[in-house]
Structure formats: structure tokens, C-alpha cells
Amino acid sequence: MKVALHLGAHKTASTFLQGVLAKADASGTLPDGVRCVPMDDLRREVTTRVGHGPGLPPERAAQRLARAEAWLMPLLERAGQSRLILSDENLIGTPREIVRTAALYPDPAGRLGALPRLLAGHEVELFLAIRHPGVFARSIYCEYLRAPGKTFHPPAPFAEAWLERMPSWLPLIGAIRDAFPQAPLTVWDFALVRKDPQRILNAIASTPEPVEFDTGGVVRRASLSHAAVLALVETGLREGPAAMTARLRETARAHPLKKGNWTYEMWDKAATQAFHRRLSGDLAQIRQMPGVTLLD
């Protein structure tokens, strides 16, 4: 069985791609023999069970893994199926982890956990989108505000640490390749999703001839505006993350995206340019990696 494993990253239109592929699966318009597992099902049954959770007793971890394996194996052994698409960016980390550590996916190997073992014996192909690290950080912080957990992390310390570290995508790519050393990896810059999403969808589905996927009706969630983020942060600092989360929708409605109030501004021009240079350097190195295809 060939397995297309799409690992995000977050804030690179992963939800959009998942929605289009799920729609094609439900309508029977994927190529013959190709199926796509709904992301919500994969996250519930596999993603939350394969990782090495801190402090989890070994017997409990074994039980969780056995449940993930029991759910996944029938999908991998389905008669008449040649390719299974698995897509969940939480397999490499979460926005909360990224903001808490100010690291670009602090523990992808731990998050992937036993998944490489569960997919052993199958022909895995890896897919990953990357993005301008500064824009990614801004977007991931806004995503974190939607589900901050029990501890609120204000933006300033996160941004300061992120700028100081100037994170690269290369360690994440290295960790993914270490987990699946025999698997080819396809990488693209987020900009390609806007320019040519069909190329990405065809690559993941491995269509023998290019097809036109129906992207109509697939919801793209609106970003939080700059003023909305500031208001949410103020609530989080004053009243805590639970109150902030409870008011998220009304705050977003009260401060809609419009001229003079676009997306959250985390960086000045100099920082933005420095992050751009980092991305350019990463792309140049990725282009030279054996076993890696860069879609551009």
C-alpha cells in the first residue's frame, strides 16, 4: 500500500487541502484505488495516541497505541485500494507547543511517536508545506489564541525569542526524514497554495494525469485582525485564557478585517526581511537535498 502522509505544516492552508481531498473522496472523484482518511477521524484515532506523551505510564501508552493500530490497520489492508492519504499537521506538533517553547516544532519525533512503526511495510511518501518564518509565527500565535490551554502566553516574549532564534525549517525536515528514512519528501512554499493548489492536490493524490479538484465550498477560516488580537491579548492578561477563549467570536466580530485593520502586525520591516532571508536560505538547501522534491 502506498501512503501519502501530509504533515502540514500549520497555517499553510492544510485545512483547505484536507477539505478538498475529503470532498473528492466523499464524491468518488479521487483516482481509482485512492482514499482519503478524514482529518478529524485520523486525529482522534491515531494522532492523539501514537505520540510519546510526557508522564504517560508505559502500560497506558501501550493501550493507546494498540487502539490506534487496531483502527488504522484495516484501512491499510482494504482490498482494491492502492493509496491512502493521511493528513494531520498535529502529527508534528501544536500551536500551543510552538508558542510555549518559541521553537518551530519542538519535538516532531516525539509527536510522530510510533507512527513510523505502524506504517512499516508500506510505501510512505511525505508531504510538507513551509512558510516565511515571521508570517508563520504571527499566524501560529493567532491560532494559539483560539485554544490557549490553561496558561496564557503573551505575544511579546514569544516574538522576542523567535526573532533571536531565527528558526529554520531544516531541523523539522531532518526529524521527519529521520523518522521515515526511506520515504521521499515533497516540500512547497505556502505561496504555491495560492498560486497553484491543483498542483499540490495532484501530487498528494498521485494522479496519473492532472485532474481539476473541486475547491468550491471549502471554507477558508478568516484571520483575526490586528485590533482583535490586541483585544484578546488584553483579555488574556487581565482575566486569563478561559475568558479570552469565551469571548473570541464576539471579539473577532467587533474588530473585523478591514482597511486600516488587517492581520496582526508582529514584526517591523527589518525583522520581516531577516525572516525572508532565512526562508530563502532554507529553500536553497532543500532544493539540493537528495530524496526531496521542491515544488516551485
C-alpha atoms as a PDB file:
ATOM      1  CA  MET A   1       0.000   0.000   0.000  1.00  0.00           C
ATOM      2  CA  LYS A   2       1.223   3.490  -0.811  1.00  0.00           C
ATOM      3  CA  VAL A   3       0.624   6.008   1.963  1.00  0.00           C
ATOM      4  CA  ALA A   4       0.636   9.754   1.300  1.00  0.00           C
ATOM      5  CA  LEU A   5       1.439  11.334   4.671  1.00  0.00           C
ATOM      6  CA  HIS A   6       0.771  15.077   4.652  1.00  0.00           C
ATOM      7  CA  LEU A   7       2.167  16.712   7.802  1.00  0.00           C
ATOM      8  CA  GLY A   8       1.103  20.316   7.312  1.00  0.00           C
ATOM      9  CA  ALA A   9       2.651  22.475   8.477  1.00  0.00           C
ATOM     10  CA  HIS A  10       0.154  24.565  10.406  1.00  0.00           C
ATOM     11  CA  LYS A  11      -1.013  27.818   8.821  1.00  0.00           C
ATOM     12  CA  THR A  12      -0.113  26.680   5.302  1.00  0.00           C
ATOM     13  CA  ALA A  13      -3.707  26.039   4.137  1.00  0.00           C
ATOM     14  CA  SER A  14      -3.606  22.459   5.423  1.00  0.00           C
ATOM     15  CA  THR A  15      -7.274  22.635   6.426  1.00  0.00           C
ATOM     16  CA  PHE A  16      -8.172  23.799   2.917  1.00  0.00           C
ATOM     17  CA  LEU A  17      -6.241  20.947   1.282  1.00  0.00           C
ATOM     18  CA  GLN A  18      -7.774  18.440   3.691  1.00  0.00           C
ATOM     19  CA  GLY A  19     -11.226  19.755   2.891  1.00  0.00           C
ATOM     20  CA  VAL A  20     -10.745  19.485  -0.868  1.00  0.00           C
ATOM     21  CA  LEU A  21      -9.349  15.949  -0.622  1.00  0.00           C
ATOM     22  CA  ALA A  22     -12.132  14.856   1.735  1.00  0.00           C
ATOM     23  CA  LYS A  23     -14.706  16.308  -0.642  1.00  0.00           C
ATOM     24  CA  ALA A  24     -13.160  14.408  -3.549  1.00  0.00           C
ATOM     25  CA  ASP A  25     -13.164  11.205  -1.506  1.00  0.00           C
ATOM     26  CA  ALA A  26     -16.800  11.607  -0.482  1.00  0.00           C
ATOM     27  CA  SER A  27     -17.885  12.320  -4.062  1.00  0.00           C
ATOM     28  CA  GLY A  28     -15.898   9.434  -5.519  1.00  0.00           C
ATOM     29  CA  THR A  29     -13.789  11.703  -7.723  1.00  0.00           C
ATOM     30  CA  LEU A  30     -10.388  10.623  -6.420  1.00  0.00           C
ATOM     31  CA  PRO A  31      -8.459   8.348  -8.805  1.00  0.00           C
ATOM     32  CA  ASP A  32      -9.345   4.655  -8.660  1.00  0.00           C
ATOM     33  CA  GLY A  33      -7.855   2.978  -5.617  1.00  0.00           C
ATOM     34  CA  VAL A  34      -7.118   6.239  -3.771  1.00  0.00           C
ATOM     35  CA  ARG A  35      -8.842   7.026  -0.480  1.00  0.00           C
ATOM     36  CA  CYS A  36      -8.501   9.904   1.976  1.00  0.00           C
ATOM     37  CA  VAL A  37      -8.995   9.486   5.724  1.00  0.00           C
ATOM     38  CA  PRO A  38     -10.974  12.399   7.222  1.00  0.00           C
ATOM     39  CA  MET A  39      -8.620  14.524   9.310  1.00  0.00           C
ATOM     40  CA  ASP A  40     -10.891  14.621  12.358  1.00  0.00           C
ATOM     41  CA  ASP A  41     -11.035  10.816  12.409  1.00  0.00           C
ATOM     42  CA  LEU A  42      -7.275  10.491  11.989  1.00  0.00           C
ATOM     43  CA  ARG A  43      -6.597  13.000  14.768  1.00  0.00           C
ATOM     44  CA  ARG A  44      -8.993  11.331  17.171  1.00  0.00           C
ATOM     45  CA  GLU A  45      -7.959   7.733  16.492  1.00  0.00           C
ATOM     46  CA  VAL A  46      -4.254   7.988  15.634  1.00  0.00           C
ATOM     47  CA  THR A  47      -2.615  11.378  16.219  1.00  0.00           C
ATOM     48  CA  THR A  48      -3.613  11.594  19.873  1.00  0.00           C
ATOM     49  CA  ARG A  49      -2.413   8.034  20.534  1.00  0.00           C
ATOM     50  CA  VAL A  50       0.880   7.464  18.727  1.00  0.00           C
ATOM     51  CA  GLY A  51       2.954  10.233  20.335  1.00  0.00           C
ATOM     52  CA  HIS A  52       5.168   9.890  23.388  1.00  0.00           C
ATOM     53  CA  GLY A  53       3.147  11.914  25.874  1.00  0.00           C
ATOM     54  CA  PRO A  54       5.171  13.187  28.862  1.00  0.00           C
ATOM     55  CA  GLY A  55       4.439  11.333  32.081  1.00  0.00           C
ATOM     56  CA  LEU A  56       2.207   8.745  30.409  1.00  0.00           C
ATOM     57  CA  PRO A  57       2.570   5.346  32.144  1.00  0.00           C
ATOM     58  CA  PRO A  58       4.019   2.700  29.784  1.00  0.00           C
ATOM     59  CA  GLU A  59       1.003   0.425  30.094  1.00  0.00           C
ATOM     60  CA  ARG A  60      -1.341   3.292  29.237  1.00  0.00           C
ATOM     61  CA  ALA A  61       0.823   4.270  26.262  1.00  0.00           C
ATOM     62  CA  ALA A  62       0.741   0.668  25.031  1.00  0.00           C
ATOM     63  CA  GLN A  63      -3.045   0.572  25.291  1.00  0.00           C
ATOM     64  CA  ARG A  64      -3.400   3.797  23.336  1.00  0.00           C
ATOM     65  CA  LEU A  65      -1.039   2.572  20.646  1.00  0.00           C
ATOM     66  CA  ALA A  66      -2.894  -0.728  20.345  1.00  0.00           C
ATOM     67  CA  ARG A  67      -6.144   1.168  19.787  1.00  0.00           C
ATOM     68  CA  ALA A  68      -4.523   3.330  17.103  1.00  0.00           C
ATOM     69  CA  GLU A  69      -3.140   0.256  15.373  1.00  0.00           C
ATOM     70  CA  ALA A  70      -6.467  -1.579  15.517  1.00  0.00           C
ATOM     71  CA  TRP A  71      -8.164   1.402  13.871  1.00  0.00           C
ATOM     72  CA  LEU A  72      -5.523   2.071  11.221  1.00  0.00           C
ATOM     73  CA  MET A  73      -4.651  -1.447  10.069  1.00  0.00           C
ATOM     74  CA  PRO A  74      -7.991  -2.221   8.346  1.00  0.00           C
ATOM     75  CA  LEU A  75      -7.635   0.993   6.334  1.00  0.00           C
ATOM     76  CA  LEU A  76      -4.169  -0.056   5.201  1.00  0.00           C
ATOM     77  CA  GLU A  77      -5.375  -3.516   4.206  1.00  0.00           C
ATOM     78  CA  ARG A  78      -8.565  -2.571   2.375  1.00  0.00           C
ATOM     79  CA  ALA A  79      -8.998  -4.634  -0.782  1.00  0.00           C
ATOM     80  CA  GLY A  80      -8.832  -2.769  -4.082  1.00  0.00           C
ATOM     81  CA  GLN A  81      -7.060   0.196  -2.553  1.00  0.00           C
ATOM     82  CA  SER A  82      -3.632   1.311  -3.770  1.00  0.00           C
ATOM     83  CA  ARG A  83      -3.069   4.647  -1.988  1.00  0.00           C
ATOM     84  CA  LEU A  84      -4.221   6.021   1.359  1.00  0.00           C
ATOM     85  CA  ILE A  85      -3.988   9.752   2.144  1.00  0.00           C
ATOM     86  CA  LEU A  86      -3.333  10.641   5.785  1.00  0.00           C
ATOM     87  CA  SER A  87      -3.203  14.340   6.663  1.00  0.00           C
ATOM     88  CA  ASP A  88      -2.882  15.986  10.077  1.00  0.00           C
ATOM     89  CA  GLU A  89      -0.464  18.763  10.991  1.00  0.00           C
ATOM     90  CA  ASN A  90      -0.804  17.898  14.683  1.00  0.00           C
ATOM     91  CA  LEU A  91       1.287  14.800  13.968  1.00  0.00           C
ATOM     92  CA  ILE A  92       4.359  17.046  14.247  1.00  0.00           C
ATOM     93  CA  GLY A  93       3.196  19.455  16.960  1.00  0.00           C
ATOM     94  CA  THR A  94       0.601  22.023  18.003  1.00  0.00           C
ATOM     95  CA  PRO A  95       0.358  25.826  18.039  1.00  0.00           C
ATOM     96  CA  ARG A  96       0.334  25.738  21.837  1.00  0.00           C
ATOM     97  CA  GLU A  97       3.672  23.890  21.910  1.00  0.00           C
ATOM     98  CA  ILE A  98       5.201  26.268  19.398  1.00  0.00           C
ATOM     99  CA  VAL A  99       4.166  29.385  21.322  1.00  0.00           C
ATOM    100  CA  ARG A 100       5.128  27.934  24.705  1.00  0.00           C
ATOM    101  CA  THR A 101       8.638  26.988  23.540  1.00  0.00           C
ATOM    102  CA  ALA A 102       9.182  29.624  20.821  1.00  0.00           C
ATOM    103  CA  ALA A 103      10.518  26.750  18.716  1.00  0.00           C
ATOM    104  CA  LEU A 104       9.483  25.734  15.222  1.00  0.00           C
ATOM    105  CA  TYR A 105       8.028  22.347  16.262  1.00  0.00           C
ATOM    106  CA  PRO A 106       9.978  21.450  19.410  1.00  0.00           C
ATOM    107  CA  ASP A 107       9.517  17.655  19.310  1.00  0.00           C
ATOM    108  CA  PRO A 108       8.339  16.267  15.959  1.00  0.00           C
ATOM    109  CA  ALA A 109       9.919  12.867  16.634  1.00  0.00           C
ATOM    110  CA  GLY A 110       8.028  12.537  19.904  1.00  0.00           C
ATOM    111  CA  ARG A 111       4.805  13.640  18.256  1.00  0.00           C
ATOM    112  CA  LEU A 112       5.173  11.157  15.399  1.00  0.00           C
ATOM    113  CA  GLY A 113       5.958   8.562  18.042  1.00  0.00           C
ATOM    114  CA  ALA A 114       5.142   5.058  16.891  1.00  0.00           C
ATOM    115  CA  LEU A 115       3.553   6.074  13.591  1.00  0.00           C
ATOM    116  CA  PRO A 116       6.622   5.050  11.538  1.00  0.00           C
ATOM    117  CA  ARG A 117       6.367   1.572  13.057  1.00  0.00           C
ATOM    118  CA  LEU A 118       2.644   1.362  12.288  1.00  0.00           C
ATOM    119  CA  LEU A 119       3.345   2.261   8.656  1.00  0.00           C
ATOM    120  CA  ALA A 120       6.319  -0.106   8.307  1.00  0.00           C
ATOM    121  CA  GLY A 121       5.975  -2.330   5.272  1.00  0.00           C
ATOM    122  CA  HIS A 122       4.033   0.295   3.350  1.00  0.00           C
ATOM    123  CA  GLU A 123       5.417   2.698   0.754  1.00  0.00           C
ATOM    124  CA  VAL A 124       5.244   6.056   2.537  1.00  0.00           C
ATOM    125  CA  GLU A 125       5.514   9.369   0.695  1.00  0.00           C
ATOM    126  CA  LEU A 126       5.851  12.533   2.791  1.00  0.00           C
ATOM    127  CA  PHE A 127       4.389  15.967   2.054  1.00  0.00           C
ATOM    128  CA  LEU A 128       5.165  19.215   3.893  1.00  0.00           C
ATOM    129  CA  ALA A 129       4.498  22.903   3.307  1.00  0.00           C
ATOM    130  CA  ILE A 130       6.713  25.589   4.820  1.00  0.00           C
ATOM    131  CA  ARG A 131       6.322  29.336   5.105  1.00  0.00           C
ATOM    132  CA  HIS A 132       8.108  32.630   5.773  1.00  0.00           C
ATOM    133  CA  PRO A 133       9.052  32.088   9.457  1.00  0.00           C
ATOM    134  CA  GLY A 134       7.904  35.548  10.521  1.00  0.00           C
ATOM    135  CA  VAL A 135       4.479  35.234   8.908  1.00  0.00           C
ATOM    136  CA  PHE A 136       4.228  31.701  10.263  1.00  0.00           C
ATOM    137  CA  ALA A 137       4.935  32.920  13.809  1.00  0.00           C
ATOM    138  CA  ARG A 138       2.323  35.655  13.535  1.00  0.00           C
ATOM    139  CA  SER A 139      -0.265  33.226  12.190  1.00  0.00           C
ATOM    140  CA  ILE A 140       0.561  30.488  14.694  1.00  0.00           C
ATOM    141  CA  TYR A 141       0.188  32.952  17.559  1.00  0.00           C
ATOM    142  CA  CYS A 142      -3.255  33.926  16.304  1.00  0.00           C
ATOM    143  CA  GLU A 143      -4.122  30.226  16.053  1.00  0.00           C
ATOM    144  CA  TYR A 144      -2.878  29.711  19.605  1.00  0.00           C
ATOM    145  CA  LEU A 145      -5.306  32.399  20.810  1.00  0.00           C
ATOM    146  CA  ARG A 146      -8.161  30.147  19.686  1.00  0.00           C
ATOM    147  CA  ALA A 147      -7.039  27.311  22.006  1.00  0.00           C
ATOM    148  CA  PRO A 148      -4.504  28.633  24.527  1.00  0.00           C
ATOM    149  CA  GLY A 149      -4.828  25.972  27.205  1.00  0.00           C
ATOM    150  CA  LYS A 150      -4.557  26.722  30.915  1.00  0.00           C
ATOM    151  CA  THR A 151      -1.627  29.146  30.750  1.00  0.00           C
ATOM    152  CA  PHE A 152      -1.727  32.371  28.761  1.00  0.00           C
ATOM    153  CA  HIS A 153       1.425  33.321  26.870  1.00  0.00           C
ATOM    154  CA  PRO A 154       1.509  36.983  25.746  1.00  0.00           C
ATOM    155  CA  PRO A 155       2.975  37.745  22.330  1.00  0.00           C
ATOM    156  CA  ALA A 156       5.991  39.866  23.302  1.00  0.00           C
ATOM    157  CA  PRO A 157       8.161  37.153  24.937  1.00  0.00           C
ATOM    158  CA  PHE A 158       7.291  34.716  22.151  1.00  0.00           C
ATOM    159  CA  ALA A 159       8.171  37.226  19.428  1.00  0.00           C
ATOM    160  CA  GLU A 160      11.399  38.245  21.160  1.00  0.00           C
ATOM    161  CA  ALA A 161      12.594  34.649  21.475  1.00  0.00           C
ATOM    162  CA  TRP A 162      11.502  33.807  17.922  1.00  0.00           C
ATOM    163  CA  LEU A 163      13.426  36.716  16.455  1.00  0.00           C
ATOM    164  CA  GLU A 164      16.515  35.881  18.495  1.00  0.00           C
ATOM    165  CA  ARG A 165      16.477  32.237  17.391  1.00  0.00           C
ATOM    166  CA  MET A 166      15.570  32.992  13.758  1.00  0.00           C
ATOM    167  CA  PRO A 167      14.205  29.451  13.340  1.00  0.00           C
ATOM    168  CA  SER A 168      14.870  27.378  10.252  1.00  0.00           C
ATOM    169  CA  TRP A 169      12.662  24.691   8.720  1.00  0.00           C
ATOM    170  CA  LEU A 170      15.651  22.404   8.190  1.00  0.00           C
ATOM    171  CA  PRO A 171      15.638  20.754  11.659  1.00  0.00           C
ATOM    172  CA  LEU A 172      11.966  19.821  11.223  1.00  0.00           C
ATOM    173  CA  ILE A 173      12.678  18.356   7.805  1.00  0.00           C
ATOM    174  CA  GLY A 174      15.615  16.441   9.256  1.00  0.00           C
ATOM    175  CA  ALA A 175      13.483  14.998  12.055  1.00  0.00           C
ATOM    176  CA  ILE A 176      10.764  13.908   9.633  1.00  0.00           C
ATOM    177  CA  ARG A 177      13.294  12.248   7.344  1.00  0.00           C
ATOM    178  CA  ASP A 178      14.946  10.511  10.295  1.00  0.00           C
ATOM    179  CA  ALA A 179      11.554   9.087  11.255  1.00  0.00           C
ATOM    180  CA  PHE A 180      10.920   7.858   7.689  1.00  0.00           C
ATOM    181  CA  PRO A 181      14.429   7.417   6.216  1.00  0.00           C
ATOM    182  CA  GLN A 182      13.265   5.584   3.092  1.00  0.00           C
ATOM    183  CA  ALA A 183      10.372   7.892   2.251  1.00  0.00           C
ATOM    184  CA  PRO A 184      10.619  10.552  -0.459  1.00  0.00           C
ATOM    185  CA  LEU A 185       9.611  14.016   0.705  1.00  0.00           C
ATOM    186  CA  THR A 186       7.816  16.701  -1.298  1.00  0.00           C
ATOM    187  CA  VAL A 187       8.055  20.268   0.026  1.00  0.00           C
ATOM    188  CA  TRP A 188       6.465  23.527  -1.142  1.00  0.00           C
ATOM    189  CA  ASP A 189       6.307  27.119  -0.004  1.00  0.00           C
ATOM    190  CA  PHE A 190       2.879  28.267   1.165  1.00  0.00           C
ATOM    191  CA  ALA A 191       2.814  30.791  -1.672  1.00  0.00           C
ATOM    192  CA  LEU A 192       2.263  27.891  -4.093  1.00  0.00           C
ATOM    193  CA  VAL A 193      -1.091  27.117  -2.457  1.00  0.00           C
ATOM    194  CA  ARG A 194      -2.388  30.482  -3.590  1.00  0.00           C
ATOM    195  CA  LYS A 195      -0.731  30.243  -6.987  1.00  0.00           C
ATOM    196  CA  ASP A 196      -1.427  26.621  -7.971  1.00  0.00           C
ATOM    197  CA  PRO A 197      -3.283  24.493  -5.389  1.00  0.00           C
ATOM    198  CA  GLN A 198      -4.163  21.944  -8.065  1.00  0.00           C
ATOM    199  CA  ARG A 199      -0.506  21.025  -8.451  1.00  0.00           C
ATOM    200  CA  ILE A 200      -0.249  20.231  -4.745  1.00  0.00           C
ATOM    201  CA  LEU A 201      -3.505  18.274  -4.669  1.00  0.00           C
ATOM    202  CA  ASN A 202      -2.455  16.212  -7.674  1.00  0.00           C
ATOM    203  CA  ALA A 203       0.906  15.475  -6.043  1.00  0.00           C
ATOM    204  CA  ILE A 204      -0.685  14.249  -2.813  1.00  0.00           C
ATOM    205  CA  ALA A 205      -3.271  12.158  -4.650  1.00  0.00           C
ATOM    206  CA  SER A 206      -0.631  10.959  -7.149  1.00  0.00           C
ATOM    207  CA  THR A 207      -2.964  11.301 -10.096  1.00  0.00           C
ATOM    208  CA  PRO A 208      -1.676   9.574 -13.263  1.00  0.00           C
ATOM    209  CA  GLU A 209      -2.866  12.568 -15.272  1.00  0.00           C
ATOM    210  CA  PRO A 210      -3.565  16.037 -13.829  1.00  0.00           C
ATOM    211  CA  VAL A 211      -7.175  16.454 -12.732  1.00  0.00           C
ATOM    212  CA  GLU A 212      -9.102  19.532 -11.617  1.00  0.00           C
ATOM    213  CA  PHE A 213     -10.141  19.163  -7.982  1.00  0.00           C
ATOM    214  CA  ASP A 214     -13.344  20.913  -6.965  1.00  0.00           C
ATOM    215  CA  THR A 215     -12.358  23.591  -4.443  1.00  0.00           C
ATOM    216  CA  GLY A 216     -15.767  25.248  -4.330  1.00  0.00           C
ATOM    217  CA  GLY A 217     -17.478  25.440  -0.973  1.00  0.00           C
ATOM    218  CA  VAL A 218     -14.375  24.531   1.022  1.00  0.00           C
ATOM    219  CA  VAL A 219     -14.274  27.046   3.861  1.00  0.00           C
ATOM    220  CA  ARG A 220     -11.161  29.119   4.490  1.00  0.00           C
ATOM    221  CA  ARG A 221     -11.339  30.500   8.013  1.00  0.00           C
ATOM    222  CA  ALA A 222     -10.826  34.255   8.213  1.00  0.00           C
ATOM    223  CA  SER A 223      -7.763  35.555  10.039  1.00  0.00           C
ATOM    224  CA  LEU A 224      -8.016  37.609  13.206  1.00  0.00           C
ATOM    225  CA  SER A 225      -7.476  41.326  12.697  1.00  0.00           C
ATOM    226  CA  HIS A 226      -4.739  43.319  14.425  1.00  0.00           C
ATOM    227  CA  ALA A 227      -7.243  45.032  16.710  1.00  0.00           C
ATOM    228  CA  ALA A 228      -8.927  41.716  17.542  1.00  0.00           C
ATOM    229  CA  VAL A 229      -5.601  40.190  18.584  1.00  0.00           C
ATOM    230  CA  LEU A 230      -4.781  43.173  20.799  1.00  0.00           C
ATOM    231  CA  ALA A 231      -8.201  42.952  22.454  1.00  0.00           C
ATOM    232  CA  LEU A 232      -7.872  39.205  23.017  1.00  0.00           C
ATOM    233  CA  VAL A 233      -4.399  39.593  24.480  1.00  0.00           C
ATOM    234  CA  GLU A 234      -5.685  42.257  26.862  1.00  0.00           C
ATOM    235  CA  THR A 235      -8.446  39.903  27.999  1.00  0.00           C
ATOM    236  CA  GLY A 236      -5.989  37.041  28.398  1.00  0.00           C
ATOM    237  CA  LEU A 237      -3.642  39.124  30.519  1.00  0.00           C
ATOM    238  CA  ARG A 238      -6.408  40.607  32.637  1.00  0.00           C
ATOM    239  CA  GLU A 239      -8.803  37.682  33.060  1.00  0.00           C
ATOM    240  CA  GLY A 240      -6.980  34.588  31.863  1.00  0.00           C
ATOM    241  CA  PRO A 241      -7.180  32.273  28.842  1.00  0.00           C
ATOM    242  CA  ALA A 242     -10.623  30.830  29.589  1.00  0.00           C
ATOM    243  CA  ALA A 243     -12.260  34.263  29.485  1.00  0.00           C
ATOM    244  CA  MET A 244     -10.329  35.139  26.347  1.00  0.00           C
ATOM    245  CA  THR A 245     -11.468  31.983  24.565  1.00  0.00           C
ATOM    246  CA  ALA A 246     -15.074  32.549  25.620  1.00  0.00           C
ATOM    247  CA  ARG A 247     -15.030  35.999  24.002  1.00  0.00           C
ATOM    248  CA  LEU A 248     -13.109  35.083  20.878  1.00  0.00           C
ATOM    249  CA  ARG A 249     -16.037  35.132  18.461  1.00  0.00           C
ATOM    250  CA  GLU A 250     -17.556  38.344  19.742  1.00  0.00           C
ATOM    251  CA  THR A 251     -14.125  39.997  19.757  1.00  0.00           C
ATOM    252  CA  ALA A 252     -13.464  38.926  16.175  1.00  0.00           C
ATOM    253  CA  ARG A 253     -16.867  40.285  15.118  1.00  0.00           C
ATOM    254  CA  ALA A 254     -16.252  43.560  16.939  1.00  0.00           C
ATOM    255  CA  HIS A 255     -12.902  44.053  15.180  1.00  0.00           C
ATOM    256  CA  PRO A 256     -13.332  42.725  11.616  1.00  0.00           C
ATOM    257  CA  LEU A 257     -10.652  42.749   8.974  1.00  0.00           C
ATOM    258  CA  LYS A 258     -10.891  45.986   7.013  1.00  0.00           C
ATOM    259  CA  LYS A 259      -8.765  48.780   5.624  1.00  0.00           C
ATOM    260  CA  GLY A 260      -6.567  50.063   8.419  1.00  0.00           C
ATOM    261  CA  ASN A 261      -7.135  46.908  10.489  1.00  0.00           C
ATOM    262  CA  TRP A 262      -5.625  43.982   8.618  1.00  0.00           C
ATOM    263  CA  THR A 263      -3.853  40.976  10.102  1.00  0.00           C
ATOM    264  CA  TYR A 264      -1.814  41.150  13.279  1.00  0.00           C
ATOM    265  CA  GLU A 265       1.449  43.055  12.920  1.00  0.00           C
ATOM    266  CA  MET A 266       4.142  41.238  14.883  1.00  0.00           C
ATOM    267  CA  TRP A 267       7.307  42.376  13.078  1.00  0.00           C
ATOM    268  CA  ASP A 268       8.970  45.514  11.810  1.00  0.00           C
ATOM    269  CA  LYS A 269      10.424  45.732   8.313  1.00  0.00           C
ATOM    270  CA  ALA A 270      13.944  44.694   9.343  1.00  0.00           C
ATOM    271  CA  ALA A 271      12.717  41.545  11.092  1.00  0.00           C
ATOM    272  CA  THR A 272      10.458  40.664   8.169  1.00  0.00           C
ATOM    273  CA  GLN A 273      13.382  40.923   5.768  1.00  0.00           C
ATOM    274  CA  ALA A 274      15.596  38.821   8.055  1.00  0.00           C
ATOM    275  CA  PHE A 275      12.976  36.071   8.134  1.00  0.00           C
ATOM    276  CA  HIS A 276      12.695  36.276   4.351  1.00  0.00           C
ATOM    277  CA  ARG A 277      16.420  35.671   4.051  1.00  0.00           C
ATOM    278  CA  ARG A 278      16.087  32.690   6.359  1.00  0.00           C
ATOM    279  CA  LEU A 279      13.352  31.206   4.172  1.00  0.00           C
ATOM    280  CA  SER A 280      15.367  31.821   1.004  1.00  0.00           C
ATOM    281  CA  GLY A 281      18.342  30.050   2.561  1.00  0.00           C
ATOM    282  CA  ASP A 282      16.192  27.116   3.631  1.00  0.00           C
ATOM    283  CA  LEU A 283      14.669  26.769   0.163  1.00  0.00           C
ATOM    284  CA  ALA A 284      18.117  26.806  -1.444  1.00  0.00           C
ATOM    285  CA  GLN A 285      19.277  23.969   0.810  1.00  0.00           C
ATOM    286  CA  ILE A 286      16.060  21.979   0.419  1.00  0.00           C
ATOM    287  CA  ARG A 287      16.448  22.167  -3.353  1.00  0.00           C
ATOM    288  CA  GLN A 288      19.793  20.349  -3.051  1.00  0.00           C
ATOM    289  CA  MET A 289      18.629  17.584  -0.691  1.00  0.00           C
ATOM    290  CA  PRO A 290      18.627  14.050  -2.123  1.00  0.00           C
ATOM    291  CA  GLY A 291      15.246  12.376  -1.869  1.00  0.00           C
ATOM    292  CA  VAL A 292      13.455  15.711  -1.593  1.00  0.00           C
ATOM    293  CA  THR A 293      11.364  17.373  -4.297  1.00  0.00           C
ATOM    294  CA  LEU A 294      10.701  21.099  -4.007  1.00  0.00           C
ATOM    295  CA  LEU A 295       7.568  22.236  -5.812  1.00  0.00           C
ATOM    296  CA  ASP A 296       8.077  25.807  -7.014  1.00  0.00           C
END
